[in-house]
């Protein structure tokens, strides 16, 4: 990957400016990563179609915020930040396939298999997943401590994105299509499908920046809290959101027969639970002894209040 020096965002910038700034940095690094990959041209085109489709870049931005909370230099973590976004993108490509969720649109655009066909979409997802692990190795330093930290990060990436984490969440979600009967079952699915990769991003940013075990645990608690809050807000926006902003038709979950938080709790209780999860997540990082948790706190509030 070409070496792109990431510039720090101004300390007094708004959280919206912070997100835009680092999303642009991540986009540049992702484009460089693909351009230097020597992939088959059509495969590369399909990978880029989904990877550069205008995602929020939430996971890599959370990784950056975790590193910043510890006062770390950001260049070292950028390859892993790219890796987590590649894994997220691969999961969406595969989730959209006819054998999975059978979606025609993602972020207001035709899904990968609708443009490139099912076979190429599967390969594009495979390519993004495997290239993510290659990208992560580029974060290696020359000293034993940084190498050990990176080894642990890659191990967690495989675990939290894999058969006991995100993939397990998708399997449970598919199985649950036969009937999710409890809120606990719904939360378990979302903790795996959404929460685990968010937690990985935060723990990776912390671990690569020298976080203590207590601080890593706090980042984990924060991640699971905002991960569930993020999903609840998604469910609320499916009902109340502007389709021009959300990129999908209103009430699409209900029409697809998906069980959501408002289905179990109603709108008012869903909002209360989202607020409770967000405040608990913020409390975890406030009490963790992080030198500068301000951006993590702002991101938690932003995710709860977003409209897309």
C-alpha atoms as a PDB file:
ATOM      1  CA  UNK A   1       0.000   0.000   0.000  1.00  0.00           C
ATOM      2  CA  UNK A   2       1.235   3.496  -0.793  1.00  0.00           C
ATOM      3  CA  UNK A   3       2.153   5.386   2.326  1.00  0.00           C
ATOM      4  CA  UNK A   4      -0.518   7.976   3.009  1.00  0.00           C
ATOM      5  CA  UNK A   5       0.265  10.201   5.967  1.00  0.00           C
ATOM      6  CA  UNK A   6      -2.994  10.761   7.802  1.00  0.00           C
ATOM      7  CA  UNK A   7      -3.431  14.297   9.084  1.00  0.00           C
ATOM      8  CA  UNK A   8      -4.953  14.835  12.504  1.00  0.00           C
ATOM      9  CA  UNK A   9      -8.281  16.603  12.688  1.00  0.00           C
ATOM     10  CA  UNK A  10      -8.339  19.986  14.428  1.00  0.00           C
ATOM     11  CA  UNK A  11      -9.084  19.543  18.157  1.00  0.00           C
ATOM     12  CA  UNK A  12     -11.889  22.124  18.076  1.00  0.00           C
ATOM     13  CA  UNK A  13     -13.609  20.716  14.976  1.00  0.00           C
ATOM     14  CA  UNK A  14     -17.226  19.630  15.287  1.00  0.00           C
ATOM     15  CA  UNK A  15     -17.946  15.911  15.387  1.00  0.00           C
ATOM     16  CA  UNK A  16     -19.455  16.177  11.897  1.00  0.00           C
ATOM     17  CA  UNK A  17     -16.218  17.738  10.607  1.00  0.00           C
ATOM     18  CA  UNK A  18     -14.217  15.089  12.454  1.00  0.00           C
ATOM     19  CA  UNK A  19     -16.163  12.292  10.752  1.00  0.00           C
ATOM     20  CA  UNK A  20     -15.862  13.901   7.307  1.00  0.00           C
ATOM     21  CA  UNK A  21     -12.131  14.489   7.759  1.00  0.00           C
ATOM     22  CA  UNK A  22     -11.270  10.932   8.706  1.00  0.00           C
ATOM     23  CA  UNK A  23     -13.742   9.404   6.252  1.00  0.00           C
ATOM     24  CA  UNK A  24     -11.830  11.208   3.489  1.00  0.00           C
ATOM     25  CA  UNK A  25      -8.495   9.948   4.854  1.00  0.00           C
ATOM     26  CA  UNK A  26      -9.858   6.400   4.969  1.00  0.00           C
ATOM     27  CA  UNK A  27     -11.253   6.661   1.433  1.00  0.00           C
ATOM     28  CA  UNK A  28      -7.847   7.729   0.106  1.00  0.00           C
ATOM     29  CA  UNK A  29      -6.110   4.861   1.901  1.00  0.00           C
ATOM     30  CA  UNK A  30      -8.686   2.321   0.675  1.00  0.00           C
ATOM     31  CA  UNK A  31      -8.275   3.475  -2.930  1.00  0.00           C
ATOM     32  CA  UNK A  32      -4.499   3.192  -2.600  1.00  0.00           C
ATOM     33  CA  UNK A  33      -4.842  -0.272  -1.101  1.00  0.00           C
ATOM     34  CA  UNK A  34      -6.911  -1.536  -4.030  1.00  0.00           C
ATOM     35  CA  UNK A  35      -4.808   0.221  -6.665  1.00  0.00           C
ATOM     36  CA  UNK A  36      -1.671  -1.542  -5.428  1.00  0.00           C
ATOM     37  CA  UNK A  37      -3.305  -4.976  -5.049  1.00  0.00           C
ATOM     38  CA  UNK A  38      -2.631  -6.421  -8.556  1.00  0.00           C
ATOM     39  CA  UNK A  39      -6.115  -7.948  -8.512  1.00  0.00           C
ATOM     40  CA  UNK A  40      -7.883  -9.282 -11.605  1.00  0.00           C
ATOM     41  CA  UNK A  41      -9.384  -6.164 -13.310  1.00  0.00           C
ATOM     42  CA  UNK A  42     -13.040  -7.229 -13.174  1.00  0.00           C
ATOM     43  CA  UNK A  43     -12.654  -8.536  -9.636  1.00  0.00           C
ATOM     44  CA  UNK A  44     -11.000  -5.263  -8.625  1.00  0.00           C
ATOM     45  CA  UNK A  45     -13.865  -3.311 -10.180  1.00  0.00           C
ATOM     46  CA  UNK A  46     -16.432  -5.341  -8.244  1.00  0.00           C
ATOM     47  CA  UNK A  47     -14.501  -4.969  -4.984  1.00  0.00           C
ATOM     48  CA  UNK A  48     -14.181  -1.213  -5.462  1.00  0.00           C
ATOM     49  CA  UNK A  49     -17.867  -0.881  -6.364  1.00  0.00           C
ATOM     50  CA  UNK A  50     -18.924  -1.962  -2.877  1.00  0.00           C
ATOM     51  CA  UNK A  51     -15.939  -0.710  -0.885  1.00  0.00           C
ATOM     52  CA  UNK A  52     -16.270   2.830  -2.247  1.00  0.00           C
ATOM     53  CA  UNK A  53     -20.087   2.937  -2.227  1.00  0.00           C
ATOM     54  CA  UNK A  54     -20.343   5.750   0.300  1.00  0.00           C
ATOM     55  CA  UNK A  55     -20.347   3.931   3.621  1.00  0.00           C
ATOM     56  CA  UNK A  56     -20.247   5.771   6.939  1.00  0.00           C
ATOM     57  CA  UNK A  57     -16.711   4.478   7.721  1.00  0.00           C
ATOM     58  CA  UNK A  58     -17.964   4.088  11.295  1.00  0.00           C
ATOM     59  CA  UNK A  59     -15.674   1.229  12.290  1.00  0.00           C
ATOM     60  CA  UNK A  60     -12.352   2.723  11.133  1.00  0.00           C
ATOM     61  CA  UNK A  61     -13.349   6.107  12.572  1.00  0.00           C
ATOM     62  CA  UNK A  62     -14.024   4.457  15.937  1.00  0.00           C
ATOM     63  CA  UNK A  63     -10.608   2.791  15.696  1.00  0.00           C
ATOM     64  CA  UNK A  64      -9.007   6.184  15.091  1.00  0.00           C
ATOM     65  CA  UNK A  65     -10.943   7.739  17.988  1.00  0.00           C
ATOM     66  CA  UNK A  66      -9.798   4.944  20.314  1.00  0.00           C
ATOM     67  CA  UNK A  67      -6.179   5.533  19.282  1.00  0.00           C
ATOM     68  CA  UNK A  68      -6.576   9.288  19.735  1.00  0.00           C
ATOM     69  CA  UNK A  69      -8.042   8.774  23.197  1.00  0.00           C
ATOM     70  CA  UNK A  70      -4.649   7.326  24.144  1.00  0.00           C
ATOM     71  CA  UNK A  71      -2.622  10.016  22.373  1.00  0.00           C
ATOM     72  CA  UNK A  72      -1.238   7.614  19.745  1.00  0.00           C
ATOM     73  CA  UNK A  73       0.142   8.373  16.289  1.00  0.00           C
ATOM     74  CA  UNK A  74      -2.427   7.443  13.670  1.00  0.00           C
ATOM     75  CA  UNK A  75      -0.247   6.325  10.747  1.00  0.00           C
ATOM     76  CA  UNK A  76       0.457   2.966  12.381  1.00  0.00           C
ATOM     77  CA  UNK A  77      -3.209   1.991  12.665  1.00  0.00           C
ATOM     78  CA  UNK A  78      -4.370   3.015   9.172  1.00  0.00           C
ATOM     79  CA  UNK A  79      -3.718  -0.401   7.565  1.00  0.00           C
ATOM     80  CA  UNK A  80      -5.875  -2.053  10.241  1.00  0.00           C
ATOM     81  CA  UNK A  81      -8.501   0.680   9.866  1.00  0.00           C
ATOM     82  CA  UNK A  82      -8.646  -0.181   6.155  1.00  0.00           C
ATOM     83  CA  UNK A  83      -8.828  -3.872   7.031  1.00  0.00           C
ATOM     84  CA  UNK A  84     -11.886  -3.495   9.256  1.00  0.00           C
ATOM     85  CA  UNK A  85     -13.713  -1.527   6.558  1.00  0.00           C
ATOM     86  CA  UNK A  86     -12.899  -4.228   4.000  1.00  0.00           C
ATOM     87  CA  UNK A  87     -14.337  -6.878   6.310  1.00  0.00           C
ATOM     88  CA  UNK A  88     -17.465  -4.806   6.861  1.00  0.00           C
ATOM     89  CA  UNK A  89     -17.889  -4.303   3.103  1.00  0.00           C
ATOM     90  CA  UNK A  90     -17.397  -7.999   2.362  1.00  0.00           C
ATOM     91  CA  UNK A  91     -20.106  -8.871   4.880  1.00  0.00           C
ATOM     92  CA  UNK A  92     -22.561  -6.530   3.160  1.00  0.00           C
ATOM     93  CA  UNK A  93     -21.799  -7.949  -0.293  1.00  0.00           C
ATOM     94  CA  UNK A  94     -22.489 -11.472   0.943  1.00  0.00           C
ATOM     95  CA  UNK A  95     -25.503 -10.468   3.069  1.00  0.00           C
ATOM     96  CA  UNK A  96     -27.159  -8.965  -0.014  1.00  0.00           C
ATOM     97  CA  UNK A  97     -26.882 -12.174  -2.065  1.00  0.00           C
ATOM     98  CA  UNK A  98     -30.084 -14.023  -3.079  1.00  0.00           C
ATOM     99  CA  UNK A  99     -29.160 -16.917  -0.795  1.00  0.00           C
ATOM    100  CA  UNK A 100     -28.947 -14.528   2.174  1.00  0.00           C
ATOM    101  CA  UNK A 101     -31.066 -11.361   2.450  1.00  0.00           C
ATOM    102  CA  UNK A 102     -31.735 -11.080  -1.308  1.00  0.00           C
ATOM    103  CA  UNK A 103     -31.482  -7.284  -1.435  1.00  0.00           C
ATOM    104  CA  UNK A 104     -31.469  -5.345  -4.704  1.00  0.00           C
ATOM    105  CA  UNK A 105     -30.250  -2.020  -3.306  1.00  0.00           C
ATOM    106  CA  UNK A 106     -27.626  -0.930  -0.802  1.00  0.00           C
ATOM    107  CA  UNK A 107     -27.047   2.756   0.063  1.00  0.00           C
ATOM    108  CA  UNK A 108     -29.304   3.749  -2.804  1.00  0.00           C
ATOM    109  CA  UNK A 109     -27.311   1.791  -5.399  1.00  0.00           C
ATOM    110  CA  UNK A 110     -27.812  -1.608  -6.986  1.00  0.00           C
ATOM    111  CA  UNK A 111     -26.214  -4.320  -4.877  1.00  0.00           C
ATOM    112  CA  UNK A 112     -23.024  -5.972  -6.085  1.00  0.00           C
ATOM    113  CA  UNK A 113     -24.612  -9.118  -7.484  1.00  0.00           C
ATOM    114  CA  UNK A 114     -27.165  -7.053  -9.415  1.00  0.00           C
ATOM    115  CA  UNK A 115     -24.307  -5.329 -11.252  1.00  0.00           C
ATOM    116  CA  UNK A 116     -21.643  -8.043 -11.520  1.00  0.00           C
ATOM    117  CA  UNK A 117     -23.602 -11.267 -11.083  1.00  0.00           C
ATOM    118  CA  UNK A 118     -23.688 -13.632  -8.132  1.00  0.00           C
ATOM    119  CA  UNK A 119     -20.416 -15.420  -8.873  1.00  0.00           C
ATOM    120  CA  UNK A 120     -18.361 -12.228  -9.136  1.00  0.00           C
ATOM    121  CA  UNK A 121     -20.082 -10.778  -6.061  1.00  0.00           C
ATOM    122  CA  UNK A 122     -19.081 -13.844  -4.048  1.00  0.00           C
ATOM    123  CA  UNK A 123     -15.505 -13.480  -5.290  1.00  0.00           C
ATOM    124  CA  UNK A 124     -15.519  -9.743  -4.536  1.00  0.00           C
ATOM    125  CA  UNK A 125     -16.536 -10.512  -0.957  1.00  0.00           C
ATOM    126  CA  UNK A 126     -13.884 -13.214  -0.725  1.00  0.00           C
ATOM    127  CA  UNK A 127     -11.314 -10.771  -2.085  1.00  0.00           C
ATOM    128  CA  UNK A 128     -12.203  -8.059   0.422  1.00  0.00           C
ATOM    129  CA  UNK A 129     -12.080 -10.482   3.350  1.00  0.00           C
ATOM    130  CA  UNK A 130      -8.734 -12.024   2.476  1.00  0.00           C
ATOM    131  CA  UNK A 131      -7.126  -8.721   1.466  1.00  0.00           C
ATOM    132  CA  UNK A 132      -8.135  -7.328   4.851  1.00  0.00           C
ATOM    133  CA  UNK A 133      -5.747  -9.730   6.569  1.00  0.00           C
ATOM    134  CA  UNK A 134      -2.953  -8.761   4.180  1.00  0.00           C
ATOM    135  CA  UNK A 135      -3.645  -5.095   4.953  1.00  0.00           C
ATOM    136  CA  UNK A 136      -3.470  -5.694   8.691  1.00  0.00           C
ATOM    137  CA  UNK A 137       0.044  -7.126   8.414  1.00  0.00           C
ATOM    138  CA  UNK A 138       1.227  -3.785   7.004  1.00  0.00           C
ATOM    139  CA  UNK A 139       0.801  -2.257  10.459  1.00  0.00           C
ATOM    140  CA  UNK A 140       3.773  -4.248  11.774  1.00  0.00           C
ATOM    141  CA  UNK A 141       6.560  -2.296  13.424  1.00  0.00           C
ATOM    142  CA  UNK A 142      10.129  -3.452  13.832  1.00  0.00           C
ATOM    143  CA  UNK A 143      10.096  -3.938  17.613  1.00  0.00           C
ATOM    144  CA  UNK A 144       8.908  -7.016  19.470  1.00  0.00           C
ATOM    145  CA  UNK A 145       6.215  -5.173  21.448  1.00  0.00           C
ATOM    146  CA  UNK A 146       4.466  -3.796  18.355  1.00  0.00           C
ATOM    147  CA  UNK A 147       4.676  -7.177  16.616  1.00  0.00           C
ATOM    148  CA  UNK A 148       3.094  -8.903  19.600  1.00  0.00           C
ATOM    149  CA  UNK A 149       0.313  -6.313  19.742  1.00  0.00           C
ATOM    150  CA  UNK A 150      -0.400  -6.753  16.039  1.00  0.00           C
ATOM    151  CA  UNK A 151      -0.492 -10.539  16.371  1.00  0.00           C
ATOM    152  CA  UNK A 152      -3.150 -10.195  19.081  1.00  0.00           C
ATOM    153  CA  UNK A 153      -5.078  -7.706  16.938  1.00  0.00           C
ATOM    154  CA  UNK A 154      -5.124 -10.061  13.951  1.00  0.00           C
ATOM    155  CA  UNK A 155      -6.199 -12.936  16.203  1.00  0.00           C
ATOM    156  CA  UNK A 156      -9.108 -10.861  17.515  1.00  0.00           C
ATOM    157  CA  UNK A 157     -10.000  -9.759  13.994  1.00  0.00           C
ATOM    158  CA  UNK A 158     -10.317 -13.379  12.910  1.00  0.00           C
ATOM    159  CA  UNK A 159     -12.345 -14.284  16.007  1.00  0.00           C
ATOM    160  CA  UNK A 160     -14.756 -11.350  16.084  1.00  0.00           C
ATOM    161  CA  UNK A 161     -15.349 -11.380  12.319  1.00  0.00           C
ATOM    162  CA  UNK A 162     -15.499 -15.158  12.156  1.00  0.00           C
ATOM    163  CA  UNK A 163     -17.438 -18.249  13.103  1.00  0.00           C
ATOM    164  CA  UNK A 164     -18.040 -17.214  16.721  1.00  0.00           C
ATOM    165  CA  UNK A 165     -18.590 -13.536  15.867  1.00  0.00           C
ATOM    166  CA  UNK A 166     -20.021 -11.711  12.870  1.00  0.00           C
ATOM    167  CA  UNK A 167     -20.470 -14.835  10.730  1.00  0.00           C
ATOM    168  CA  UNK A 168     -22.224 -16.533  13.642  1.00  0.00           C
ATOM    169  CA  UNK A 169     -24.552 -13.545  13.861  1.00  0.00           C
ATOM    170  CA  UNK A 170     -25.519 -13.886  10.213  1.00  0.00           C
ATOM    171  CA  UNK A 171     -26.075 -17.635  10.647  1.00  0.00           C
ATOM    172  CA  UNK A 172     -28.315 -16.999  13.659  1.00  0.00           C
ATOM    173  CA  UNK A 173     -30.135 -14.273  11.747  1.00  0.00           C
ATOM    174  CA  UNK A 174     -30.888 -16.638   8.866  1.00  0.00           C
ATOM    175  CA  UNK A 175     -31.995 -19.354  11.262  1.00  0.00           C
ATOM    176  CA  UNK A 176     -34.061 -16.804  13.146  1.00  0.00           C
ATOM    177  CA  UNK A 177     -36.035 -15.959  10.037  1.00  0.00           C
ATOM    178  CA  UNK A 178     -38.134 -18.930  11.089  1.00  0.00           C
ATOM    179  CA  UNK A 179     -39.206 -16.830  14.068  1.00  0.00           C
ATOM    180  CA  UNK A 180     -37.356 -14.618  16.569  1.00  0.00           C
ATOM    181  CA  UNK A 181     -39.433 -14.985  19.694  1.00  0.00           C
ATOM    182  CA  UNK A 182     -37.606 -12.865  22.274  1.00  0.00           C
ATOM    183  CA  UNK A 183     -35.730  -9.605  22.677  1.00  0.00           C
ATOM    184  CA  UNK A 184     -32.777 -11.559  24.061  1.00  0.00           C
ATOM    185  CA  UNK A 185     -32.550 -13.573  20.836  1.00  0.00           C
ATOM    186  CA  UNK A 186     -32.681 -10.393  18.753  1.00  0.00           C
ATOM    187  CA  UNK A 187     -29.953  -8.738  20.846  1.00  0.00           C
ATOM    188  CA  UNK A 188     -27.723 -11.798  20.599  1.00  0.00           C
ATOM    189  CA  UNK A 189     -27.933 -11.669  16.802  1.00  0.00           C
ATOM    190  CA  UNK A 190     -27.127  -7.951  16.663  1.00  0.00           C
ATOM    191  CA  UNK A 191     -24.266  -8.244  19.147  1.00  0.00           C
ATOM    192  CA  UNK A 192     -22.645 -10.699  16.732  1.00  0.00           C
ATOM    193  CA  UNK A 193     -23.638  -9.139  13.402  1.00  0.00           C
ATOM    194  CA  UNK A 194     -22.964  -5.510  14.324  1.00  0.00           C
ATOM    195  CA  UNK A 195     -21.401  -5.308  17.765  1.00  0.00           C
ATOM    196  CA  UNK A 196     -18.452  -7.664  17.368  1.00  0.00           C
ATOM    197  CA  UNK A 197     -16.803  -5.788  14.491  1.00  0.00           C
ATOM    198  CA  UNK A 198     -17.343  -2.451  16.255  1.00  0.00           C
ATOM    199  CA  UNK A 199     -15.744  -3.901  19.381  1.00  0.00           C
ATOM    200  CA  UNK A 200     -12.838  -5.204  17.321  1.00  0.00           C
ATOM    201  CA  UNK A 201     -12.245  -1.749  15.829  1.00  0.00           C
ATOM    202  CA  UNK A 202     -12.144  -0.119  19.256  1.00  0.00           C
ATOM    203  CA  UNK A 203      -9.975  -2.779  20.876  1.00  0.00           C
ATOM    204  CA  UNK A 204      -7.587  -2.757  17.906  1.00  0.00           C
ATOM    205  CA  UNK A 205      -7.199   1.017  18.107  1.00  0.00           C
ATOM    206  CA  UNK A 206      -6.593   0.699  21.821  1.00  0.00           C
ATOM    207  CA  UNK A 207      -4.241  -2.271  21.700  1.00  0.00           C
ATOM    208  CA  UNK A 208      -2.057  -0.814  18.943  1.00  0.00           C
ATOM    209  CA  UNK A 209      -1.850   2.370  21.023  1.00  0.00           C
ATOM    210  CA  UNK A 210      -0.720   0.671  24.231  1.00  0.00           C
ATOM    211  CA  UNK A 211      -4.003   0.472  26.159  1.00  0.00           C
ATOM    212  CA  UNK A 212      -4.049  -1.421  29.443  1.00  0.00           C
ATOM    213  CA  UNK A 213      -6.281  -4.469  29.850  1.00  0.00           C
ATOM    214  CA  UNK A 214      -8.709  -2.383  31.912  1.00  0.00           C
ATOM    215  CA  UNK A 215      -8.846   0.239  29.167  1.00  0.00           C
ATOM    216  CA  UNK A 216      -9.397  -2.451  26.519  1.00  0.00           C
ATOM    217  CA  UNK A 217     -12.281  -3.828  28.578  1.00  0.00           C
ATOM    218  CA  UNK A 218     -13.780  -0.334  28.825  1.00  0.00           C
ATOM    219  CA  UNK A 219     -13.492   0.126  25.052  1.00  0.00           C
ATOM    220  CA  UNK A 220     -15.208  -3.247  24.638  1.00  0.00           C
ATOM    221  CA  UNK A 221     -18.093  -2.218  26.909  1.00  0.00           C
ATOM    222  CA  UNK A 222     -18.380   1.054  25.018  1.00  0.00           C
ATOM    223  CA  UNK A 223     -18.410  -0.821  21.705  1.00  0.00           C
ATOM    224  CA  UNK A 224     -21.161  -3.246  22.636  1.00  0.00           C
ATOM    225  CA  UNK A 225     -23.240  -0.386  24.055  1.00  0.00           C
ATOM    226  CA  UNK A 226     -23.016   1.855  21.010  1.00  0.00           C
ATOM    227  CA  UNK A 227     -23.335  -1.176  18.714  1.00  0.00           C
ATOM    228  CA  UNK A 228     -26.761  -2.054  20.099  1.00  0.00           C
ATOM    229  CA  UNK A 229     -27.758   1.616  20.251  1.00  0.00           C
ATOM    230  CA  UNK A 230     -26.721   1.937  16.596  1.00  0.00           C
ATOM    231  CA  UNK A 231     -28.953  -0.994  15.652  1.00  0.00           C
ATOM    232  CA  UNK A 232     -31.913   0.401  17.578  1.00  0.00           C
ATOM    233  CA  UNK A 233     -31.531   3.729  15.778  1.00  0.00           C
ATOM    234  CA  UNK A 234     -31.384   1.826  12.470  1.00  0.00           C
ATOM    235  CA  UNK A 235     -34.679   0.140  13.350  1.00  0.00           C
ATOM    236  CA  UNK A 236     -36.241   3.475  14.307  1.00  0.00           C
ATOM    237  CA  UNK A 237     -35.022   5.158  11.110  1.00  0.00           C
ATOM    238  CA  UNK A 238     -36.552   2.353   9.068  1.00  0.00           C
ATOM    239  CA  UNK A 239     -39.918   3.604  10.321  1.00  0.00           C
ATOM    240  CA  UNK A 240     -39.364   7.351  10.745  1.00  0.00           C
ATOM    241  CA  UNK A 241     -36.402   8.134   8.486  1.00  0.00           C
ATOM    242  CA  UNK A 242     -36.327  10.001   5.192  1.00  0.00           C
ATOM    243  CA  UNK A 243     -35.722   7.450   2.398  1.00  0.00           C
ATOM    244  CA  UNK A 244     -33.627  10.065   0.566  1.00  0.00           C
ATOM    245  CA  UNK A 245     -31.217  10.020   3.525  1.00  0.00           C
ATOM    246  CA  UNK A 246     -31.408   6.389   4.648  1.00  0.00           C
ATOM    247  CA  UNK A 247     -31.106   4.984   1.122  1.00  0.00           C
ATOM    248  CA  UNK A 248     -33.995   2.547   1.585  1.00  0.00           C
ATOM    249  CA  UNK A 249     -37.768   2.701   1.484  1.00  0.00           C
ATOM    250  CA  UNK A 250     -39.650   3.421   4.698  1.00  0.00           C
ATOM    251  CA  UNK A 251     -40.854   0.356   6.624  1.00  0.00           C
ATOM    252  CA  UNK A 252     -38.717  -1.960   4.492  1.00  0.00           C
ATOM    253  CA  UNK A 253     -37.933  -4.146   7.525  1.00  0.00           C
ATOM    254  CA  UNK A 254     -41.622  -4.703   8.271  1.00  0.00           C
ATOM    255  CA  UNK A 255     -42.386  -5.543   4.647  1.00  0.00           C
ATOM    256  CA  UNK A 256     -39.496  -8.009   4.625  1.00  0.00           C
ATOM    257  CA  UNK A 257     -40.860  -9.674   7.758  1.00  0.00           C
ATOM    258  CA  UNK A 258     -37.848  -8.688   9.898  1.00  0.00           C
ATOM    259  CA  UNK A 259     -38.212  -8.478  13.651  1.00  0.00           C
ATOM    260  CA  UNK A 260     -36.934  -5.190  15.112  1.00  0.00           C
ATOM    261  CA  UNK A 261     -36.629  -3.398  18.446  1.00  0.00           C
ATOM    262  CA  UNK A 262     -39.793  -1.310  17.875  1.00  0.00           C
ATOM    263  CA  UNK A 263     -41.624  -4.575  17.140  1.00  0.00           C
ATOM    264  CA  UNK A 264     -40.793  -5.854  20.629  1.00  0.00           C
ATOM    265  CA  UNK A 265     -40.623  -2.606  22.599  1.00  0.00           C
ATOM    266  CA  UNK A 266     -42.542   0.065  20.722  1.00  0.00           C
ATOM    267  CA  UNK A 267     -41.007   3.373  19.662  1.00  0.00           C
ATOM    268  CA  UNK A 268     -40.850   5.142  23.034  1.00  0.00           C
ATOM    269  CA  UNK A 269     -39.249   2.224  24.862  1.00  0.00           C
ATOM    270  CA  UNK A 270     -36.838   1.653  21.959  1.00  0.00           C
ATOM    271  CA  UNK A 271     -35.675   5.271  22.226  1.00  0.00           C
ATOM    272  CA  UNK A 272     -35.320   4.962  26.005  1.00  0.00           C
ATOM    273  CA  UNK A 273     -33.221   1.816  25.670  1.00  0.00           C
ATOM    274  CA  UNK A 274     -31.032   3.437  23.011  1.00  0.00           C
ATOM    275  CA  UNK A 275     -30.401   6.399  25.315  1.00  0.00           C
ATOM    276  CA  UNK A 276     -29.637   4.086  28.254  1.00  0.00           C
ATOM    277  CA  UNK A 277     -27.132   2.052  26.210  1.00  0.00           C
ATOM    278  CA  UNK A 278     -25.437   5.213  24.959  1.00  0.00           C
ATOM    279  CA  UNK A 279     -25.063   6.708  28.429  1.00  0.00           C
ATOM    280  CA  UNK A 280     -23.695   3.427  29.796  1.00  0.00           C
ATOM    281  CA  UNK A 281     -21.172   3.274  26.947  1.00  0.00           C
ATOM    282  CA  UNK A 282     -20.015   6.826  27.627  1.00  0.00           C
ATOM    283  CA  UNK A 283     -19.656   6.093  31.324  1.00  0.00           C
ATOM    284  CA  UNK A 284     -17.397   3.122  30.543  1.00  0.00           C
ATOM    285  CA  UNK A 285     -14.827   5.248  28.694  1.00  0.00           C
ATOM    286  CA  UNK A 286     -15.143   8.179  31.101  1.00  0.00           C
ATOM    287  CA  UNK A 287     -14.062   5.905  33.951  1.00  0.00           C
ATOM    288  CA  UNK A 288     -11.260   4.136  32.049  1.00  0.00           C
ATOM    289  CA  UNK A 289      -8.455   6.617  32.640  1.00  0.00           C
ATOM    290  CA  UNK A 290      -8.088   7.411  28.935  1.00  0.00           C
ATOM    291  CA  UNK A 291      -6.108  10.639  28.431  1.00  0.00           C
ATOM    292  CA  UNK A 292      -8.583  12.117  25.932  1.00  0.00           C
ATOM    293  CA  UNK A 293     -11.915  10.277  25.466  1.00  0.00           C
ATOM    294  CA  UNK A 294     -13.742  13.358  24.137  1.00  0.00           C
ATOM    295  CA  UNK A 295     -14.215  12.123  20.556  1.00  0.00           C
ATOM    296  CA  UNK A 296     -15.510   8.755  21.747  1.00  0.00           C
ATOM    297  CA  UNK A 297     -18.109  10.569  23.845  1.00  0.00           C
ATOM    298  CA  UNK A 298     -19.107  12.798  20.935  1.00  0.00           C
ATOM    299  CA  UNK A 299     -19.363   9.840  18.557  1.00  0.00           C
ATOM    300  CA  UNK A 300     -21.685   8.006  20.949  1.00  0.00           C
ATOM    301  CA  UNK A 301     -24.068  10.978  21.014  1.00  0.00           C
ATOM    302  CA  UNK A 302     -23.799  11.489  17.258  1.00  0.00           C
ATOM    303  CA  UNK A 303     -24.725   7.882  16.480  1.00  0.00           C
ATOM    304  CA  UNK A 304     -27.800   8.115  18.687  1.00  0.00           C
ATOM    305  CA  UNK A 305     -28.979  11.315  16.970  1.00  0.00           C
ATOM    306  CA  UNK A 306     -28.107  10.515  13.330  1.00  0.00           C
ATOM    307  CA  UNK A 307     -30.725  10.630  10.583  1.00  0.00           C
ATOM    308  CA  UNK A 308     -29.170   8.177   8.114  1.00  0.00           C
END
